[in-house]
N, C-alpha and C. Protein backbone atom coordinates (compact mmCIF):
# COMPACT_ATOMS: atom_id res chain seq x y z
N MET A 1 0.97 19.77 0.69
CA MET A 1 2.14 19.14 1.30
C MET A 1 2.15 17.65 0.98
N THR A 2 3.28 17.14 0.57
CA THR A 2 3.42 15.74 0.21
C THR A 2 3.53 14.90 1.48
N PRO A 3 2.76 13.80 1.56
CA PRO A 3 2.88 12.94 2.75
C PRO A 3 4.27 12.31 2.79
N SER A 4 4.69 11.95 3.99
CA SER A 4 6.02 11.34 4.11
C SER A 4 6.01 9.97 3.46
N ILE A 5 7.04 9.72 2.67
CA ILE A 5 7.17 8.45 1.97
C ILE A 5 8.45 7.78 2.43
N ILE A 6 8.34 6.52 2.79
CA ILE A 6 9.51 5.75 3.18
C ILE A 6 9.86 4.84 2.01
N PRO A 7 11.08 4.92 1.52
CA PRO A 7 11.47 4.15 0.34
C PRO A 7 11.26 2.65 0.53
N ARG A 8 10.91 1.99 -0.57
CA ARG A 8 10.61 0.56 -0.56
C ARG A 8 11.76 -0.26 0.02
N ASP A 9 12.99 0.03 -0.40
CA ASP A 9 14.12 -0.77 0.08
C ASP A 9 14.35 -0.58 1.58
N GLN A 10 14.07 0.62 2.08
CA GLN A 10 14.21 0.88 3.52
C GLN A 10 13.13 0.12 4.30
N VAL A 11 11.91 0.09 3.78
CA VAL A 11 10.82 -0.66 4.42
C VAL A 11 11.19 -2.13 4.48
N ALA A 12 11.65 -2.66 3.35
CA ALA A 12 12.03 -4.08 3.29
C ALA A 12 13.13 -4.38 4.31
N GLN A 13 14.11 -3.51 4.38
CA GLN A 13 15.22 -3.73 5.32
C GLN A 13 14.72 -3.69 6.77
N ASN A 14 13.90 -2.72 7.09
CA ASN A 14 13.40 -2.58 8.46
C ASN A 14 12.50 -3.74 8.88
N LEU A 15 11.79 -4.32 7.91
CA LEU A 15 10.90 -5.44 8.22
C LEU A 15 11.58 -6.79 8.01
N ALA A 16 12.82 -6.76 7.59
CA ALA A 16 13.61 -7.98 7.35
C ALA A 16 12.95 -8.90 6.33
N ILE A 17 12.53 -8.30 5.22
CA ILE A 17 11.93 -9.06 4.13
C ILE A 17 12.58 -8.63 2.82
N PRO A 18 12.52 -9.49 1.81
CA PRO A 18 13.07 -9.08 0.52
C PRO A 18 12.18 -8.03 -0.17
N THR A 19 12.80 -7.14 -0.90
CA THR A 19 12.06 -6.11 -1.63
C THR A 19 11.07 -6.74 -2.60
N ARG A 20 11.45 -7.88 -3.18
CA ARG A 20 10.55 -8.53 -4.15
C ARG A 20 9.24 -8.97 -3.50
N LEU A 21 9.23 -9.20 -2.19
CA LEU A 21 7.99 -9.55 -1.51
C LEU A 21 7.04 -8.35 -1.50
N LEU A 22 7.58 -7.18 -1.29
CA LEU A 22 6.75 -5.96 -1.33
C LEU A 22 6.19 -5.76 -2.74
N ILE A 23 7.02 -6.00 -3.74
CA ILE A 23 6.56 -5.87 -5.12
C ILE A 23 5.46 -6.89 -5.41
N ARG A 24 5.59 -8.06 -4.85
CA ARG A 24 4.56 -9.10 -5.01
C ARG A 24 3.25 -8.64 -4.37
N TYR A 25 3.33 -8.06 -3.18
CA TYR A 25 2.13 -7.53 -2.52
C TYR A 25 1.48 -6.46 -3.40
N GLU A 26 2.31 -5.60 -3.99
CA GLU A 26 1.78 -4.56 -4.86
C GLU A 26 1.09 -5.17 -6.08
N ALA A 27 1.71 -6.17 -6.67
CA ALA A 27 1.14 -6.81 -7.86
C ALA A 27 -0.22 -7.44 -7.56
N ARG A 28 -0.40 -7.93 -6.35
CA ARG A 28 -1.69 -8.53 -5.95
C ARG A 28 -2.69 -7.48 -5.49
N GLY A 29 -2.26 -6.23 -5.42
CA GLY A 29 -3.15 -5.15 -5.01
C GLY A 29 -3.34 -5.06 -3.51
N LEU A 30 -2.47 -5.70 -2.75
CA LEU A 30 -2.60 -5.67 -1.29
C LEU A 30 -2.08 -4.37 -0.70
N VAL A 31 -1.06 -3.80 -1.31
CA VAL A 31 -0.51 -2.52 -0.88
C VAL A 31 -0.27 -1.66 -2.11
N ARG A 32 -0.11 -0.37 -1.86
CA ARG A 32 0.09 0.56 -2.96
C ARG A 32 1.29 1.45 -2.69
N ALA A 33 2.26 1.38 -3.58
CA ALA A 33 3.42 2.25 -3.49
C ALA A 33 3.09 3.56 -4.20
N ILE A 34 3.71 4.62 -3.74
CA ILE A 34 3.55 5.91 -4.41
C ILE A 34 4.92 6.46 -4.75
N ARG A 35 4.95 7.33 -5.71
CA ARG A 35 6.21 7.91 -6.16
C ARG A 35 6.20 9.40 -5.85
N ASP A 36 7.32 9.86 -5.32
CA ASP A 36 7.53 11.28 -5.08
C ASP A 36 8.89 11.61 -5.66
N GLY A 37 8.91 12.09 -6.89
CA GLY A 37 10.17 12.33 -7.58
C GLY A 37 10.86 11.00 -7.83
N PRO A 38 12.12 10.90 -7.42
CA PRO A 38 12.85 9.66 -7.66
C PRO A 38 12.55 8.56 -6.63
N VAL A 39 11.83 8.91 -5.57
CA VAL A 39 11.59 7.96 -4.47
C VAL A 39 10.26 7.25 -4.68
N GLU A 40 10.32 5.92 -4.66
CA GLU A 40 9.10 5.13 -4.69
C GLU A 40 9.03 4.36 -3.37
N GLY A 41 7.93 4.53 -2.68
CA GLY A 41 7.82 3.89 -1.38
C GLY A 41 6.41 3.94 -0.85
N TYR A 42 6.30 3.97 0.47
CA TYR A 42 5.01 3.81 1.12
C TYR A 42 4.76 4.90 2.15
N GLU A 43 3.49 5.24 2.27
CA GLU A 43 3.06 6.13 3.34
C GLU A 43 2.94 5.30 4.62
N PRO A 44 2.91 5.94 5.78
CA PRO A 44 2.82 5.20 7.04
C PRO A 44 1.62 4.24 7.11
N ALA A 45 0.48 4.62 6.57
CA ALA A 45 -0.70 3.72 6.61
C ALA A 45 -0.43 2.44 5.82
N GLU A 46 0.27 2.54 4.71
CA GLU A 46 0.59 1.36 3.92
C GLU A 46 1.60 0.47 4.65
N ILE A 47 2.50 1.08 5.38
CA ILE A 47 3.48 0.30 6.15
C ILE A 47 2.76 -0.48 7.25
N ARG A 48 1.78 0.14 7.88
CA ARG A 48 0.97 -0.59 8.88
C ARG A 48 0.24 -1.76 8.22
N ARG A 49 -0.24 -1.55 7.01
CA ARG A 49 -0.93 -2.62 6.28
C ARG A 49 0.05 -3.75 5.95
N ILE A 50 1.26 -3.40 5.54
CA ILE A 50 2.30 -4.40 5.27
C ILE A 50 2.58 -5.20 6.53
N TRP A 51 2.70 -4.51 7.65
CA TRP A 51 2.95 -5.17 8.93
C TRP A 51 1.82 -6.15 9.26
N THR A 52 0.59 -5.74 9.01
CA THR A 52 -0.56 -6.61 9.24
C THR A 52 -0.47 -7.86 8.38
N ILE A 53 -0.16 -7.68 7.11
CA ILE A 53 -0.03 -8.81 6.19
C ILE A 53 1.05 -9.77 6.68
N LEU A 54 2.19 -9.22 7.04
CA LEU A 54 3.29 -10.06 7.53
C LEU A 54 2.90 -10.79 8.82
N SER A 55 2.18 -10.12 9.68
CA SER A 55 1.75 -10.75 10.94
C SER A 55 0.80 -11.91 10.66
N PHE A 56 -0.14 -11.70 9.74
CA PHE A 56 -1.05 -12.79 9.37
C PHE A 56 -0.27 -13.99 8.85
N GLN A 57 0.72 -13.71 8.01
CA GLN A 57 1.47 -14.81 7.40
C GLN A 57 2.43 -15.46 8.39
N ARG A 58 3.22 -14.66 9.08
CA ARG A 58 4.25 -15.21 9.98
C ARG A 58 3.65 -15.81 11.25
N ASP A 59 2.80 -15.03 11.90
CA ASP A 59 2.30 -15.42 13.22
C ASP A 59 1.15 -16.42 13.15
N LEU A 60 0.30 -16.26 12.15
CA LEU A 60 -0.89 -17.10 12.07
C LEU A 60 -0.81 -18.16 10.98
N GLY A 61 0.19 -18.07 10.14
CA GLY A 61 0.36 -19.07 9.09
C GLY A 61 -0.67 -19.00 7.98
N ILE A 62 -1.23 -17.82 7.77
CA ILE A 62 -2.26 -17.65 6.73
C ILE A 62 -1.58 -17.39 5.39
N ASN A 63 -2.05 -18.11 4.37
CA ASN A 63 -1.45 -17.90 3.06
C ASN A 63 -1.92 -16.57 2.46
N LEU A 64 -1.31 -16.17 1.36
CA LEU A 64 -1.58 -14.86 0.78
C LEU A 64 -3.03 -14.71 0.31
N ALA A 65 -3.61 -15.78 -0.21
CA ALA A 65 -5.02 -15.72 -0.62
C ALA A 65 -5.92 -15.49 0.60
N GLY A 66 -5.60 -16.13 1.71
CA GLY A 66 -6.35 -15.93 2.94
C GLY A 66 -6.20 -14.51 3.47
N VAL A 67 -4.98 -14.00 3.40
CA VAL A 67 -4.72 -12.62 3.84
C VAL A 67 -5.55 -11.65 3.00
N GLU A 68 -5.56 -11.89 1.70
CA GLU A 68 -6.33 -11.04 0.80
C GLU A 68 -7.81 -11.05 1.17
N ALA A 69 -8.36 -12.22 1.45
CA ALA A 69 -9.77 -12.33 1.83
C ALA A 69 -10.03 -11.61 3.15
N ILE A 70 -9.14 -11.77 4.11
CA ILE A 70 -9.31 -11.11 5.42
C ILE A 70 -9.29 -9.59 5.26
N LEU A 71 -8.35 -9.09 4.48
CA LEU A 71 -8.26 -7.64 4.29
C LEU A 71 -9.51 -7.08 3.60
N LYS A 72 -10.03 -7.82 2.62
CA LYS A 72 -11.26 -7.38 1.96
C LYS A 72 -12.43 -7.37 2.94
N LEU A 73 -12.52 -8.40 3.78
CA LEU A 73 -13.59 -8.44 4.78
C LEU A 73 -13.46 -7.29 5.78
N ARG A 74 -12.24 -7.00 6.19
CA ARG A 74 -12.02 -5.89 7.13
C ARG A 74 -12.46 -4.57 6.51
N GLU A 75 -12.12 -4.36 5.24
CA GLU A 75 -12.53 -3.13 4.56
C GLU A 75 -14.05 -3.06 4.44
N HIS A 76 -14.66 -4.18 4.12
CA HIS A 76 -16.12 -4.23 4.02
C HIS A 76 -16.77 -3.92 5.36
N LEU A 77 -16.26 -4.52 6.43
CA LEU A 77 -16.81 -4.26 7.77
C LEU A 77 -16.63 -2.80 8.17
N ALA A 78 -15.50 -2.21 7.83
CA ALA A 78 -15.29 -0.79 8.13
C ALA A 78 -16.32 0.06 7.40
N HIS A 79 -16.60 -0.29 6.16
CA HIS A 79 -17.61 0.44 5.38
C HIS A 79 -18.99 0.27 6.01
N VAL A 80 -19.34 -0.95 6.41
CA VAL A 80 -20.64 -1.21 7.04
C VAL A 80 -20.76 -0.43 8.35
N HIS A 81 -19.71 -0.41 9.15
CA HIS A 81 -19.74 0.36 10.40
C HIS A 81 -19.94 1.84 10.13
N HIS A 82 -19.28 2.34 9.11
CA HIS A 82 -19.43 3.76 8.75
C HIS A 82 -20.88 4.05 8.35
N GLN A 83 -21.46 3.17 7.53
CA GLN A 83 -22.84 3.35 7.11
C GLN A 83 -23.80 3.28 8.30
N LEU A 84 -23.54 2.37 9.23
CA LEU A 84 -24.38 2.26 10.42
C LEU A 84 -24.28 3.52 11.28
N ASP A 85 -23.10 4.08 11.39
CA ASP A 85 -22.93 5.34 12.14
C ASP A 85 -23.76 6.46 11.52
N ILE A 86 -23.73 6.54 10.20
CA ILE A 86 -24.51 7.57 9.50
C ILE A 86 -26.00 7.36 9.76
N LEU A 87 -26.47 6.12 9.63
CA LEU A 87 -27.88 5.83 9.86
C LEU A 87 -28.30 6.12 11.30
N ALA A 88 -27.45 5.78 12.25
CA ALA A 88 -27.76 6.05 13.66
C ALA A 88 -27.86 7.54 13.91
N ARG A 89 -26.97 8.30 13.32
CA ARG A 89 -27.00 9.75 13.48
C ARG A 89 -28.27 10.33 12.86
N GLN A 90 -28.64 9.85 11.67
CA GLN A 90 -29.87 10.33 11.02
C GLN A 90 -31.11 9.98 11.84
N LEU A 91 -31.13 8.77 12.37
CA LEU A 91 -32.26 8.35 13.20
C LEU A 91 -32.36 9.21 14.45
N SER A 92 -31.25 9.47 15.07
CA SER A 92 -31.24 10.30 16.28
C SER A 92 -31.75 11.71 15.97
N GLU A 93 -31.30 12.27 14.86
CA GLU A 93 -31.75 13.61 14.47
C GLU A 93 -33.24 13.62 14.20
N GLU A 94 -33.73 12.58 13.54
CA GLU A 94 -35.17 12.51 13.24
C GLU A 94 -35.99 12.37 14.52
N LEU A 95 -35.52 11.55 15.45
CA LEU A 95 -36.23 11.40 16.72
C LEU A 95 -36.26 12.71 17.50
N GLU A 96 -35.16 13.45 17.48
CA GLU A 96 -35.12 14.75 18.16
C GLU A 96 -36.12 15.72 17.52
N ARG A 97 -36.17 15.71 16.19
CA ARG A 97 -37.11 16.58 15.48
C ARG A 97 -38.56 16.25 15.84
N GLN A 98 -38.86 14.98 15.95
CA GLN A 98 -40.23 14.57 16.23
C GLN A 98 -40.63 14.80 17.68
N THR A 99 -39.70 14.86 18.60
CA THR A 99 -40.03 15.06 20.01
C THR A 99 -39.94 16.51 20.44
N GLU A 100 -39.50 17.38 19.56
CA GLU A 100 -39.47 18.81 19.89
C GLU A 100 -40.88 19.35 19.95
N PRO A 101 -41.16 20.19 20.94
CA PRO A 101 -42.51 20.77 21.01
C PRO A 101 -42.75 21.70 19.82
N GLY A 102 -43.94 21.67 19.30
CA GLY A 102 -44.29 22.52 18.17
C GLY A 102 -44.50 23.95 18.62
N PRO A 103 -44.77 24.85 17.67
CA PRO A 103 -44.95 26.27 18.01
C PRO A 103 -46.24 26.52 18.81
N ASP A 104 -47.21 25.59 18.77
CA ASP A 104 -48.47 25.77 19.49
C ASP A 104 -48.39 25.26 20.92
N ALA A 105 -47.29 24.62 21.32
CA ALA A 105 -47.21 23.99 22.62
C ALA A 105 -47.01 24.96 23.72
């Protein structure tokens, strides 16, 4: 099943921004448009990312280079948290294995 795609021009209109700004974000690798037949647009997760970028710029006054750095750091932190979750689960499993009574107990 194809994920729902919202056309680029509709996203731009709903967010009150020019379409060329979305294309600029794409060119910098900040967001990724996908094509489904004749429609080129964004999945809901990408629209949330666009909203985040706009919020950083509009509300906080962060320039595009700063936004890019923040997004990379957020992705890195998400990866680190994921790795820590895996390690914690492995440690917990190992501790359970070591505290289980043996067959001679």
